[in-house]
Protein backbone atom coordinates (compact mmCIF):
# COMPACT_ATOMS: atom_id res chain seq x y z
CA MET A 1 65.55 120.46 139.36
CA ILE A 2 62.67 117.80 139.06
CA ALA A 3 61.35 119.72 135.63
CA LEU A 4 64.92 120.04 134.32
CA LEU A 5 65.47 116.30 134.58
CA ARG A 6 62.11 115.56 133.01
CA VAL A 7 62.69 117.98 130.04
CA LEU A 8 66.04 116.27 129.46
CA ALA A 9 64.56 112.75 129.57
CA VAL A 10 61.88 113.66 127.05
CA ALA A 11 64.50 115.12 124.82
CA ILE A 12 66.63 111.98 124.97
CA PHE A 13 63.45 109.87 124.49
CA ALA A 14 62.17 112.13 121.38
CA ILE A 15 65.68 112.01 119.82
CA VAL A 16 65.83 108.15 120.19
CA MET A 17 62.32 107.58 118.99
CA PHE A 18 63.07 109.74 115.94
CA VAL A 19 66.21 108.02 114.76
CA PHE A 20 65.40 104.51 115.54
CA GLY A 21 61.59 104.87 115.22
CA CYS A 22 61.80 106.61 111.85
CA GLY A 23 64.35 104.13 110.71
CA TYR A 24 62.18 101.16 111.85
CA CYS A 25 58.97 102.71 110.11
CA LEU A 26 60.96 103.07 106.82
CA PHE A 27 61.08 99.05 106.53
CA SER A 28 57.14 99.49 106.04
CA PRO A 29 56.20 103.24 105.91
CA ARG A 30 52.74 104.08 107.17
CA ASN A 31 51.82 100.66 108.22
CA PRO A 32 49.15 101.01 110.98
CA LYS A 33 50.68 98.43 113.20
CA HIS A 34 53.32 101.29 114.25
CA VAL A 35 50.68 103.41 115.83
CA PHE A 36 50.05 100.64 118.54
CA THR A 37 53.56 99.85 118.85
CA PHE A 38 54.61 103.56 119.47
CA GLY A 39 51.45 104.67 121.43
CA ARG A 40 52.32 101.93 124.12
CA LEU A 41 56.11 103.21 124.19
CA PHE A 42 54.69 106.91 124.73
CA GLY A 43 52.32 105.31 127.43
CA LYS A 44 55.10 104.10 129.39
CA MET A 45 56.78 107.52 129.70
CA SER A 46 54.00 108.51 132.08
CA LYS A 47 56.12 107.04 134.77
CA VAL A 48 58.65 109.55 134.35
CA PHE A 49 56.30 112.24 135.02
CA GLY A 50 55.22 110.93 138.17
CA ILE A 51 52.01 109.61 137.00
CA THR A 52 50.28 106.40 138.08
CA LEU A 53 48.65 105.49 135.16
CA GLU A 54 45.62 102.96 135.30
CA LEU A 55 44.70 101.57 131.87
CA ARG A 56 41.12 99.89 131.80
CA LEU A 57 40.34 97.85 128.80
CA PRO A 58 38.04 95.05 128.19
CA GLU A 59 39.38 91.60 127.77
CA ASP A 60 38.61 91.55 123.95
CA ALA A 61 39.83 95.21 123.15
CA TYR A 62 42.52 93.88 120.90
CA GLN A 63 40.45 91.21 119.18
CA ARG A 64 37.51 93.58 118.25
CA GLY A 65 36.41 94.30 114.52
CA GLN A 66 36.64 97.64 113.12
CA HIS A 67 35.52 100.98 115.06
CA ILE A 68 35.69 104.58 115.28
CA TYR A 69 37.41 105.39 118.52
CA ILE A 70 36.84 108.62 120.32
CA ALA A 71 38.60 110.22 123.29
CA ASN A 72 38.71 113.43 125.25
CA HIS A 73 41.62 115.76 124.18
CA GLN A 74 42.88 117.77 127.18
CA ASN A 75 46.61 118.84 126.78
CA THR A 76 50.05 117.66 125.71
CA TRP A 77 49.95 114.94 128.52
CA ASP A 78 47.47 112.96 126.20
CA LEU A 79 50.63 111.92 124.54
CA PHE A 80 51.80 110.06 127.41
CA THR A 81 48.37 109.00 128.91
CA VAL A 82 45.65 108.21 126.27
CA SER A 83 48.00 107.00 123.82
CA SER A 84 48.41 103.91 126.09
CA ALA A 85 44.90 102.79 125.02
CA VAL A 86 45.57 102.64 121.11
CA THR A 87 44.65 99.03 120.03
CA PRO A 88 46.21 97.21 117.19
CA LYS A 89 45.40 98.25 113.56
CA VAL A 90 44.06 101.61 114.60
CA VAL A 91 45.33 105.04 112.79
CA THR A 92 44.67 108.56 114.34
CA VAL A 93 43.48 111.53 112.68
CA GLY A 94 45.38 114.66 113.60
CA LYS A 95 46.10 118.55 112.14
CA LYS A 96 48.28 118.88 108.95
CA SER A 97 50.42 121.13 111.11
CA LEU A 98 51.72 118.18 113.19
CA VAL A 99 53.89 117.11 110.37
CA TRP A 100 56.01 120.17 110.84
CA LEU A 101 56.68 119.62 114.49
CA PRO A 102 60.27 118.72 115.03
CA LEU A 103 60.74 114.79 115.64
CA PHE A 104 57.38 114.08 116.56
CA GLY A 105 55.61 115.29 113.36
CA GLN A 106 57.93 113.01 110.90
CA LEU A 107 57.21 109.76 113.14
CA TYR A 108 53.50 110.71 113.18
CA TRP A 109 53.45 110.70 109.49
CA LEU A 110 55.48 107.59 109.01
CA THR A 111 53.39 105.61 111.39
CA GLY A 112 50.49 105.79 109.09
CA ASN A 113 48.20 108.34 110.45
CA ILE A 114 46.00 110.49 108.86
CA LEU A 115 46.58 114.46 108.45
CA ILE A 116 43.74 116.97 107.73
CA ASP A 117 43.59 120.53 106.89
CA ARG A 118 40.87 121.76 109.64
CA ALA A 119 41.00 125.29 108.02
CA ASN A 120 39.66 123.95 104.68
CA ARG A 121 36.13 122.59 104.86
CA THR A 122 36.47 121.13 101.39
CA LYS A 123 39.27 119.15 102.24
CA ALA A 124 37.96 118.11 105.76
CA LYS A 125 34.92 116.71 104.11
CA GLY A 126 37.29 114.84 101.84
CA THR A 127 38.91 113.46 104.78
CA ILE A 128 35.87 112.10 106.05
CA ASP A 129 35.30 110.23 102.74
CA GLN A 130 38.94 109.11 102.94
CA ILE A 131 38.40 107.70 106.48
CA VAL A 132 35.24 105.87 105.15
CA ASP A 133 36.97 104.36 102.34
CA SER A 134 39.98 103.38 104.67
CA ILE A 135 37.66 101.34 106.88
CA LYS A 136 35.70 99.68 104.13
CA ASN A 137 38.70 98.70 102.00
CA SER A 138 40.99 97.56 104.65
CA ASP A 139 40.97 96.05 108.20
CA VAL A 140 41.99 99.21 110.04
CA SER A 141 40.14 101.46 112.66
CA VAL A 142 40.40 105.17 113.30
CA TRP A 143 40.73 106.97 116.28
CA MET A 144 39.76 110.71 116.43
CA PHE A 145 39.25 113.69 119.17
CA PRO A 146 35.71 114.96 118.60
CA GLU A 147 36.26 118.33 120.56
CA GLY A 148 38.84 119.18 117.84
CA THR A 149 40.95 121.14 120.17
CA ARG A 150 42.53 120.71 123.48
CA SER A 151 40.28 121.42 126.50
CA ARG A 152 43.06 122.74 128.91
CA GLY A 153 41.02 122.05 132.21
CA ARG A 154 37.73 123.52 130.75
CA GLY A 155 36.17 120.01 130.99
CA LEU A 156 34.55 118.17 127.87
CA LEU A 157 34.16 120.62 125.22
CA PRO A 158 31.30 120.31 122.49
CA PHE A 159 31.74 117.72 120.05
CA LYS A 160 32.39 118.24 116.29
CA THR A 161 30.49 115.69 114.01
CA GLY A 162 33.42 114.33 111.81
CA ALA A 163 33.83 111.33 113.80
CA PHE A 164 30.17 110.52 114.00
CA HIS A 165 29.64 111.15 110.17
CA ALA A 166 32.65 108.55 109.42
CA ALA A 167 30.89 105.98 111.92
CA ILE A 168 27.77 106.27 110.04
CA GLY A 169 29.31 106.29 106.65
CA ALA A 170 31.53 103.25 107.27
CA GLU A 171 28.68 101.54 109.31
CA VAL A 172 31.03 100.82 112.40
CA PRO A 173 30.38 101.24 115.99
CA ILE A 174 32.06 103.87 118.06
CA VAL A 175 34.04 103.28 121.19
CA PRO A 176 34.49 106.13 123.45
CA ILE A 177 37.70 106.36 125.78
CA VAL A 178 37.84 108.75 128.63
CA CYS A 179 40.97 110.05 130.54
CA SER A 180 40.70 111.47 133.98
CA SER A 181 41.57 114.97 134.18
CA THR A 182 45.32 115.77 133.94
CA ASP A 183 45.21 119.62 134.11
CA GLY A 184 46.63 119.32 137.64
CA VAL A 185 49.76 117.41 136.37
CA LYS A 186 52.96 119.78 137.06
CA LEU A 187 56.22 119.18 135.41
CA ASN A 188 58.25 120.17 138.55
CA ARG A 189 55.98 117.88 141.03
CA TRP A 190 57.51 114.52 141.91
CA ASN A 191 54.28 112.85 142.50
CA ASN A 192 51.53 113.60 140.06
CA GLY A 193 49.20 110.96 141.27
CA HIS A 194 46.87 108.67 139.51
CA VAL A 195 45.46 109.16 136.01
CA ILE A 196 42.67 106.53 134.68
CA VAL A 197 42.09 105.84 131.33
CA GLU A 198 38.79 103.64 130.45
CA MET A 199 37.35 102.20 127.36
CA LEU A 200 33.80 102.28 127.24
CA PRO A 201 31.29 99.90 125.58
CA PRO A 202 30.81 100.41 121.69
CA VAL A 203 27.88 102.63 120.80
CA SER A 204 26.08 101.24 117.74
CA SER A 205 25.91 103.96 114.69
CA GLU A 206 23.00 101.54 113.32
CA GLY A 207 19.92 103.50 112.74
CA PHE A 208 21.59 106.81 112.34
CA LYS A 209 21.65 108.93 109.43
CA LYS A 210 23.51 112.15 108.38
CA GLU A 211 20.44 113.98 109.20
CA ASN A 212 20.48 113.13 112.88
CA VAL A 213 24.32 112.80 113.07
CA ARG A 214 24.00 115.26 116.18
CA ASP A 215 21.86 112.98 118.06
CA LEU A 216 24.67 110.36 117.92
CA ALA A 217 27.37 112.80 118.89
CA THR A 218 25.17 113.77 121.89
CA LEU A 219 24.49 110.43 123.06
CA CYS A 220 28.41 109.64 123.08
CA ARG A 221 29.39 112.97 124.66
CA GLU A 222 26.87 112.27 127.65
CA GLN A 223 28.47 109.06 128.17
CA MET A 224 31.80 110.53 128.31
CA ALA A 225 30.87 113.46 130.41
CA ALA A 226 29.28 111.26 132.91
CA LYS A 227 32.28 108.77 132.96
CA LEU A 228 34.90 111.79 133.29
CA ILE A 229 33.19 112.82 136.59
CA GLU A 230 33.09 109.58 137.82
CA LEU A 231 36.96 109.06 137.15
CA ASP A 232 37.87 112.47 138.49
CA GLU A 233 36.02 111.76 141.88
CA GLU A 234 37.77 108.19 141.78
CA VAL A 235 41.18 109.62 141.35
CA LYS A 236 40.57 112.36 143.95
CA GLN A 237 39.91 109.48 146.53
CA LEU A 238 42.89 107.61 145.31
CA ASN A 239 45.26 110.78 145.68
CA LYS A 240 44.20 111.18 149.37
CA LYS A 241 45.66 107.98 150.31
């Protein structure tokens, strides 16, 4: 019964977001400010799923300059947890196939996000160049999932290097964001406990070149892996109370 009510709530939310969200975005289509607006709205939906969401951002998170943001990518719950950490003037990078998802896909495109064709290596390389140009020729930052796919309870997967090539090319720092594990969240459970999303200190890309981009990726991954273990242990203790 709980699962049915939540599915109904999500369906209503999706329809409202599509109708009013797309209409709102049409006044200024593909404006980066929309990503922040709707990211926060999706984050508030965590309460519907019985998730106690704790967002840990530094005081200057909304006043920083341009960055490449990277986050761990777990499952569908990311839409209602990690999305809350999106900051102003940030666009995300997602699979081109997302645009065909009913309701969500059209809103994702209208909010100004970047779509890539992962099956085409040439186009993917062009996308990195596009990201670099977007950062250099505007005031936007870019959010990417370096694992490239959902981990689905397998921990932090190996990182692809696209986000790090972009950071080096655009000469901007990388900001890692870590969400505690959500593979235990159940649709039919009334209380799904705590989930913590934390923004880590920026990692400078200065001094790195394309020849040692893997070193930058490894550095960021090690920091995120350690933080994920720390957050999972903290959540475990919170959920015991």
